[in-house]
């Protein structure tokens, strides 16, 4: 099922990923769920990979932070 707003995202995303990353996750998930005929597991993997393009997990806080641009 596609997400229409951030508050619907999984707790792991809502509680650890900044708002910009949540938007990326939501859009990637929604696109993938359509593309892969409702395969939620695959859509979640696609969404996390999209977040990892711009964010990384901070080992000290276990939260996601924006990657520094080169």
C-alpha atoms as a PDB file:
ATOM      1  CA  UNK A   1       0.000   0.000   0.000  1.00  0.00           C
ATOM      2  CA  UNK A   2       1.453   3.394  -0.986  1.00  0.00           C
ATOM      3  CA  UNK A   3       2.138   6.050   1.643  1.00  0.00           C
ATOM      4  CA  UNK A   4       0.345   9.374   1.293  1.00  0.00           C
ATOM      5  CA  UNK A   5       2.111  11.188   4.155  1.00  0.00           C
ATOM      6  CA  UNK A   6       5.182  10.845   6.374  1.00  0.00           C
ATOM      7  CA  UNK A   7       3.178   9.853   9.445  1.00  0.00           C
ATOM      8  CA  UNK A   8       2.269   6.586   7.699  1.00  0.00           C
ATOM      9  CA  UNK A   9       5.889   5.506   7.200  1.00  0.00           C
ATOM     10  CA  UNK A  10       7.345   2.613   9.209  1.00  0.00           C
ATOM     11  CA  UNK A  11       8.538   3.574  12.718  1.00  0.00           C
ATOM     12  CA  UNK A  12      12.146   2.827  11.818  1.00  0.00           C
ATOM     13  CA  UNK A  13      11.967   5.498   9.111  1.00  0.00           C
ATOM     14  CA  UNK A  14       9.912   8.048  11.074  1.00  0.00           C
ATOM     15  CA  UNK A  15      12.055   7.817  14.197  1.00  0.00           C
ATOM     16  CA  UNK A  16      15.529   7.816  12.639  1.00  0.00           C
ATOM     17  CA  UNK A  17      15.496   9.484   9.222  1.00  0.00           C
ATOM     18  CA  UNK A  18      15.279  13.288   8.765  1.00  0.00           C
ATOM     19  CA  UNK A  19      12.273  14.767   6.974  1.00  0.00           C
ATOM     20  CA  UNK A  20      14.078  15.026   3.619  1.00  0.00           C
ATOM     21  CA  UNK A  21      15.050  11.371   3.794  1.00  0.00           C
ATOM     22  CA  UNK A  22      11.504  10.435   4.734  1.00  0.00           C
ATOM     23  CA  UNK A  23      10.251  12.193   1.612  1.00  0.00           C
ATOM     24  CA  UNK A  24      12.792  10.287  -0.483  1.00  0.00           C
ATOM     25  CA  UNK A  25      11.733   7.008   1.141  1.00  0.00           C
ATOM     26  CA  UNK A  26       8.027   7.696   0.581  1.00  0.00           C
ATOM     27  CA  UNK A  27       8.414   8.624  -3.081  1.00  0.00           C
ATOM     28  CA  UNK A  28      10.762   5.733  -3.854  1.00  0.00           C
ATOM     29  CA  UNK A  29       8.495   3.255  -2.074  1.00  0.00           C
ATOM     30  CA  UNK A  30       5.388   4.504  -3.858  1.00  0.00           C
ATOM     31  CA  UNK A  31       7.064   4.300  -7.257  1.00  0.00           C
ATOM     32  CA  UNK A  32       8.475   0.843  -6.555  1.00  0.00           C
ATOM     33  CA  UNK A  33       5.203  -0.577  -5.239  1.00  0.00           C
ATOM     34  CA  UNK A  34       3.605   0.301  -8.574  1.00  0.00           C
ATOM     35  CA  UNK A  35       6.569  -0.819 -10.651  1.00  0.00           C
ATOM     36  CA  UNK A  36       6.901  -4.191  -8.913  1.00  0.00           C
ATOM     37  CA  UNK A  37       3.184  -5.088  -8.775  1.00  0.00           C
ATOM     38  CA  UNK A  38       2.664  -4.580  -5.053  1.00  0.00           C
ATOM     39  CA  UNK A  39       5.810  -6.384  -3.864  1.00  0.00           C
ATOM     40  CA  UNK A  40       6.197  -4.536  -0.538  1.00  0.00           C
ATOM     41  CA  UNK A  41       9.444  -6.207   0.481  1.00  0.00           C
ATOM     42  CA  UNK A  42      11.095  -5.139  -2.755  1.00  0.00           C
ATOM     43  CA  UNK A  43       9.605  -1.650  -2.512  1.00  0.00           C
ATOM     44  CA  UNK A  44      11.077  -1.210   0.983  1.00  0.00           C
ATOM     45  CA  UNK A  45      14.511  -2.294  -0.286  1.00  0.00           C
ATOM     46  CA  UNK A  46      14.270   0.194  -3.154  1.00  0.00           C
ATOM     47  CA  UNK A  47      13.209   2.947  -0.748  1.00  0.00           C
ATOM     48  CA  UNK A  48      16.115   2.307   1.642  1.00  0.00           C
ATOM     49  CA  UNK A  49      18.557   2.293  -1.269  1.00  0.00           C
ATOM     50  CA  UNK A  50      17.168   5.651  -2.398  1.00  0.00           C
ATOM     51  CA  UNK A  51      17.686   7.093   1.098  1.00  0.00           C
ATOM     52  CA  UNK A  52      21.264   5.740   1.154  1.00  0.00           C
ATOM     53  CA  UNK A  53      22.069   7.801  -1.942  1.00  0.00           C
ATOM     54  CA  UNK A  54      21.880  11.035   0.102  1.00  0.00           C
ATOM     55  CA  UNK A  55      22.008   9.912   3.745  1.00  0.00           C
ATOM     56  CA  UNK A  56      24.207   7.685   5.885  1.00  0.00           C
ATOM     57  CA  UNK A  57      23.766   6.170   9.317  1.00  0.00           C
ATOM     58  CA  UNK A  58      25.696   7.987  12.049  1.00  0.00           C
ATOM     59  CA  UNK A  59      27.418   5.281  14.117  1.00  0.00           C
ATOM     60  CA  UNK A  60      27.361   7.424  17.265  1.00  0.00           C
ATOM     61  CA  UNK A  61      23.649   8.201  17.309  1.00  0.00           C
ATOM     62  CA  UNK A  62      22.247   5.385  15.140  1.00  0.00           C
ATOM     63  CA  UNK A  63      20.315   8.077  13.240  1.00  0.00           C
ATOM     64  CA  UNK A  64      20.539   8.956   9.567  1.00  0.00           C
ATOM     65  CA  UNK A  65      22.368  12.139   8.542  1.00  0.00           C
ATOM     66  CA  UNK A  66      22.816  13.843   5.195  1.00  0.00           C
ATOM     67  CA  UNK A  67      26.029  12.905   3.406  1.00  0.00           C
ATOM     68  CA  UNK A  68      28.482  15.729   2.837  1.00  0.00           C
ATOM     69  CA  UNK A  69      28.816  16.770  -0.767  1.00  0.00           C
ATOM     70  CA  UNK A  70      32.288  16.603  -2.285  1.00  0.00           C
END
